[in-house]
Amino acid sequence: FGDSPGGWAAGLQPFRTSVDAKWKWIHLCAPTFTQPCFGNRKFRAWGQFFTQERLRPGSTDYMDNDKEGAYASSVEAVLAELGELERSL
C-alpha cells in the first residue's frame, strides 16, 4: 500500500466503494523512526526494528521491550487522533 495515508486510501479504494456503511475512513501517517536494522536510516514506521530476521514469537524484535519508547509514542499519537475524532462528532 505504501507508507503514506494516500497509499492506503488508494489501495483500499475498491473495498471502500463496495461497502454500504457510511463510515469515515481515516488513514494515519506513521511517525519517522531511526531503524537500526537499516543502518540507522529514518523511515516511517509504528516502531523500531533492530534486525532483519523474520518477526515471530521469540525473535529479537518481537521481544523488544520498547526501551526507546517508539511503540508507546505511536500508541499515544493514535489515541490522540481518536480523541480528536471523538471531539469532532
N, C-alpha and C. Protein backbone atom coordinates (compact mmCIF):
# COMPACT_ATOMS: atom_id res chain seq x y z
N PHE A 1 0.82 -1.21 0.00
CA PHE A 1 0.00 0.00 0.00
C PHE A 1 0.85 1.26 0.00
N GLY A 2 2.07 1.17 0.43
CA GLY A 2 2.89 2.36 0.55
C GLY A 2 2.93 2.83 1.98
N ASP A 3 3.76 3.80 2.22
CA ASP A 3 3.96 4.28 3.58
C ASP A 3 3.30 5.61 3.84
N SER A 4 2.24 5.90 3.13
CA SER A 4 1.54 7.16 3.33
C SER A 4 0.04 6.91 3.43
N PRO A 5 -0.68 7.82 4.06
CA PRO A 5 -2.13 7.66 4.12
C PRO A 5 -2.76 7.55 2.73
N GLY A 6 -2.22 8.31 1.77
CA GLY A 6 -2.73 8.25 0.41
C GLY A 6 -2.55 6.88 -0.22
N GLY A 7 -1.43 6.22 0.09
CA GLY A 7 -1.19 4.88 -0.43
C GLY A 7 -2.21 3.88 0.10
N TRP A 8 -2.50 3.98 1.38
CA TRP A 8 -3.53 3.10 1.97
C TRP A 8 -4.91 3.42 1.40
N ALA A 9 -5.22 4.70 1.26
CA ALA A 9 -6.53 5.08 0.72
C ALA A 9 -6.71 4.53 -0.69
N ALA A 10 -5.67 4.67 -1.52
CA ALA A 10 -5.76 4.16 -2.90
C ALA A 10 -5.87 2.64 -2.92
N GLY A 11 -5.09 1.97 -2.09
CA GLY A 11 -5.11 0.51 -2.06
C GLY A 11 -6.43 -0.06 -1.57
N LEU A 12 -7.07 0.66 -0.68
CA LEU A 12 -8.34 0.18 -0.11
C LEU A 12 -9.57 0.74 -0.83
N GLN A 13 -9.36 1.55 -1.86
CA GLN A 13 -10.48 2.16 -2.58
C GLN A 13 -11.52 1.14 -3.06
N PRO A 14 -11.12 0.01 -3.64
CA PRO A 14 -12.14 -0.95 -4.08
C PRO A 14 -13.03 -1.43 -2.92
N PHE A 15 -12.44 -1.63 -1.77
CA PHE A 15 -13.21 -2.05 -0.60
C PHE A 15 -14.10 -0.92 -0.11
N ARG A 16 -13.56 0.29 -0.10
CA ARG A 16 -14.32 1.44 0.39
C ARG A 16 -15.59 1.66 -0.42
N THR A 17 -15.53 1.43 -1.73
CA THR A 17 -16.70 1.66 -2.57
C THR A 17 -17.65 0.47 -2.58
N SER A 18 -17.21 -0.68 -2.02
CA SER A 18 -18.07 -1.86 -2.04
C SER A 18 -18.93 -2.01 -0.79
N VAL A 19 -18.68 -1.21 0.23
CA VAL A 19 -19.47 -1.31 1.46
C VAL A 19 -20.54 -0.22 1.47
N ASP A 20 -21.69 -0.58 2.03
CA ASP A 20 -22.80 0.37 2.09
C ASP A 20 -22.74 1.29 3.30
N ALA A 21 -21.94 0.91 4.29
CA ALA A 21 -21.88 1.70 5.52
C ALA A 21 -21.34 3.10 5.25
N LYS A 22 -21.85 4.04 5.99
CA LYS A 22 -21.37 5.42 5.88
C LYS A 22 -20.29 5.63 6.93
N TRP A 23 -19.15 5.06 6.67
CA TRP A 23 -18.03 5.15 7.59
C TRP A 23 -17.16 6.33 7.22
N LYS A 24 -16.47 6.84 8.19
CA LYS A 24 -15.44 7.82 7.93
C LYS A 24 -14.11 7.07 7.92
N TRP A 25 -13.42 7.11 6.81
CA TRP A 25 -12.17 6.39 6.67
C TRP A 25 -11.03 7.32 7.04
N ILE A 26 -10.20 6.88 7.96
CA ILE A 26 -9.05 7.66 8.39
C ILE A 26 -7.81 6.79 8.24
N HIS A 27 -6.84 7.29 7.51
CA HIS A 27 -5.60 6.56 7.28
C HIS A 27 -4.48 7.39 7.90
N LEU A 28 -3.96 6.91 9.00
CA LEU A 28 -2.94 7.64 9.73
C LEU A 28 -1.57 7.54 9.06
N CYS A 29 -0.75 8.51 9.33
CA CYS A 29 0.61 8.54 8.83
C CYS A 29 1.55 8.18 9.98
N ALA A 30 2.31 7.12 9.82
CA ALA A 30 3.23 6.69 10.87
C ALA A 30 4.31 7.74 11.07
N PRO A 31 4.81 7.85 12.29
CA PRO A 31 5.92 8.77 12.53
C PRO A 31 7.22 8.23 11.92
N THR A 32 8.23 9.05 11.89
CA THR A 32 9.53 8.63 11.38
C THR A 32 10.40 8.19 12.54
N PHE A 33 10.97 7.00 12.43
CA PHE A 33 11.86 6.46 13.45
C PHE A 33 13.17 6.01 12.81
N THR A 34 14.23 6.15 13.56
CA THR A 34 15.51 5.58 13.17
C THR A 34 15.38 4.07 13.23
N GLN A 35 15.79 3.39 12.16
CA GLN A 35 15.67 1.94 12.09
C GLN A 35 17.07 1.31 12.15
N PRO A 36 17.46 0.80 13.31
CA PRO A 36 18.78 0.18 13.45
C PRO A 36 19.06 -0.93 12.44
N CYS A 37 18.02 -1.66 12.04
CA CYS A 37 18.24 -2.77 11.10
C CYS A 37 18.59 -2.30 9.69
N PHE A 38 18.41 -1.01 9.42
CA PHE A 38 18.74 -0.44 8.12
C PHE A 38 19.78 0.67 8.26
N GLY A 39 20.80 0.41 9.07
CA GLY A 39 21.91 1.34 9.22
C GLY A 39 21.52 2.66 9.86
N ASN A 40 20.52 2.63 10.73
CA ASN A 40 20.02 3.82 11.44
C ASN A 40 19.42 4.88 10.52
N ARG A 41 19.00 4.46 9.32
CA ARG A 41 18.27 5.40 8.45
C ARG A 41 16.86 5.58 9.02
N LYS A 42 16.26 6.71 8.71
CA LYS A 42 14.92 7.00 9.21
C LYS A 42 13.86 6.60 8.18
N PHE A 43 12.83 5.93 8.69
CA PHE A 43 11.70 5.51 7.87
C PHE A 43 10.41 5.72 8.66
N ARG A 44 9.32 5.84 7.93
CA ARG A 44 8.02 5.87 8.59
C ARG A 44 7.71 4.47 9.09
N ALA A 45 7.34 4.39 10.35
CA ALA A 45 7.04 3.09 10.96
C ALA A 45 6.33 3.33 12.28
N TRP A 46 5.68 2.30 12.78
CA TRP A 46 5.00 2.41 14.08
C TRP A 46 5.92 2.00 15.21
N GLY A 47 7.12 1.55 14.89
CA GLY A 47 8.09 1.17 15.91
C GLY A 47 9.45 0.97 15.26
N GLN A 48 10.39 0.49 16.05
CA GLN A 48 11.74 0.27 15.55
C GLN A 48 11.99 -1.22 15.33
N PHE A 49 12.84 -1.50 14.33
CA PHE A 49 13.29 -2.86 14.09
C PHE A 49 14.80 -2.89 14.23
N PHE A 50 15.27 -3.86 14.97
CA PHE A 50 16.69 -3.97 15.25
C PHE A 50 17.39 -5.03 14.41
N THR A 51 16.62 -5.96 13.84
CA THR A 51 17.19 -7.00 12.99
C THR A 51 16.32 -7.14 11.74
N GLN A 52 16.84 -7.83 10.75
CA GLN A 52 16.05 -8.11 9.55
C GLN A 52 15.54 -9.54 9.56
N GLU A 53 15.61 -10.17 10.72
CA GLU A 53 15.09 -11.54 10.82
C GLU A 53 13.56 -11.51 10.78
N ARG A 54 12.98 -12.62 10.46
CA ARG A 54 11.53 -12.74 10.41
C ARG A 54 10.93 -12.43 11.77
N LEU A 55 9.87 -11.65 11.79
CA LEU A 55 9.20 -11.32 13.04
C LEU A 55 8.31 -12.49 13.45
N ARG A 56 8.62 -13.08 14.58
CA ARG A 56 7.87 -14.23 15.09
C ARG A 56 8.04 -14.25 16.61
N PRO A 57 7.16 -14.95 17.31
CA PRO A 57 7.32 -15.04 18.77
C PRO A 57 8.71 -15.54 19.12
N GLY A 58 9.36 -14.81 20.00
CA GLY A 58 10.70 -15.17 20.43
C GLY A 58 11.81 -14.44 19.69
N SER A 59 11.50 -13.83 18.54
CA SER A 59 12.54 -13.12 17.79
C SER A 59 12.90 -11.81 18.50
N THR A 60 14.03 -11.27 18.13
CA THR A 60 14.54 -10.05 18.77
C THR A 60 13.52 -8.93 18.76
N ASP A 61 12.96 -8.64 17.60
CA ASP A 61 12.02 -7.53 17.50
C ASP A 61 10.68 -7.84 18.15
N TYR A 62 10.27 -9.08 18.12
CA TYR A 62 9.03 -9.47 18.79
C TYR A 62 9.16 -9.26 20.30
N MET A 63 10.32 -9.56 20.82
CA MET A 63 10.55 -9.48 22.26
C MET A 63 10.99 -8.08 22.72
N ASP A 64 11.07 -7.13 21.81
CA ASP A 64 11.53 -5.77 22.13
C ASP A 64 10.67 -5.17 23.24
N ASN A 65 11.31 -4.69 24.30
CA ASN A 65 10.56 -4.09 25.41
C ASN A 65 10.41 -2.58 25.25
N ASP A 66 10.68 -2.07 24.07
CA ASP A 66 10.42 -0.67 23.71
C ASP A 66 11.19 0.32 24.59
N LYS A 67 12.49 0.04 24.82
CA LYS A 67 13.32 0.95 25.62
C LYS A 67 13.34 2.36 25.06
N GLU A 68 13.29 2.46 23.74
CA GLU A 68 13.34 3.78 23.09
C GLU A 68 11.99 4.50 23.13
N GLY A 69 10.93 3.79 23.47
CA GLY A 69 9.60 4.40 23.56
C GLY A 69 8.90 4.60 22.23
N ALA A 70 9.38 3.93 21.18
CA ALA A 70 8.80 4.10 19.85
C ALA A 70 7.35 3.63 19.80
N TYR A 71 7.09 2.42 20.28
CA TYR A 71 5.72 1.90 20.23
C TYR A 71 4.81 2.69 21.14
N ALA A 72 5.31 3.05 22.31
CA ALA A 72 4.49 3.84 23.25
C ALA A 72 4.11 5.18 22.64
N SER A 73 5.05 5.85 21.97
CA SER A 73 4.73 7.14 21.37
C SER A 73 3.77 6.98 20.19
N SER A 74 3.88 5.88 19.45
CA SER A 74 2.94 5.63 18.35
C SER A 74 1.53 5.42 18.88
N VAL A 75 1.41 4.63 19.93
CA VAL A 75 0.09 4.39 20.53
C VAL A 75 -0.49 5.71 21.05
N GLU A 76 0.34 6.51 21.68
CA GLU A 76 -0.11 7.81 22.20
C GLU A 76 -0.62 8.70 21.07
N ALA A 77 0.08 8.71 19.95
CA ALA A 77 -0.34 9.52 18.80
C ALA A 77 -1.66 9.02 18.22
N VAL A 78 -1.83 7.71 18.11
CA VAL A 78 -3.08 7.16 17.59
C VAL A 78 -4.23 7.49 18.54
N LEU A 79 -4.00 7.35 19.83
CA LEU A 79 -5.05 7.69 20.80
C LEU A 79 -5.41 9.17 20.74
N ALA A 80 -4.44 10.02 20.51
CA ALA A 80 -4.72 11.46 20.37
C ALA A 80 -5.60 11.71 19.15
N GLU A 81 -5.32 11.02 18.04
CA GLU A 81 -6.16 11.17 16.84
C GLU A 81 -7.58 10.69 17.11
N LEU A 82 -7.71 9.58 17.83
CA LEU A 82 -9.05 9.08 18.17
C LEU A 82 -9.79 10.08 19.05
N GLY A 83 -9.07 10.69 19.99
CA GLY A 83 -9.68 11.71 20.84
C GLY A 83 -10.17 12.90 20.02
N GLU A 84 -9.38 13.34 19.05
CA GLU A 84 -9.80 14.43 18.17
C GLU A 84 -11.03 14.04 17.37
N LEU A 85 -11.05 12.82 16.90
CA LEU A 85 -12.20 12.34 16.13
C LEU A 85 -13.46 12.32 17.00
N GLU A 86 -13.34 11.82 18.22
CA GLU A 86 -14.49 11.80 19.13
C GLU A 86 -15.00 13.21 19.43
N ARG A 87 -14.09 14.16 19.62
CA ARG A 87 -14.49 15.52 19.92
C ARG A 87 -15.18 16.18 18.73
N SER A 88 -14.84 15.73 17.52
CA SER A 88 -15.42 16.34 16.33
C SER A 88 -16.83 15.82 16.01
N LEU A 89 -17.24 14.77 16.69
CA LEU A 89 -18.57 14.20 16.41
C LEU A 89 -19.68 14.96 17.08
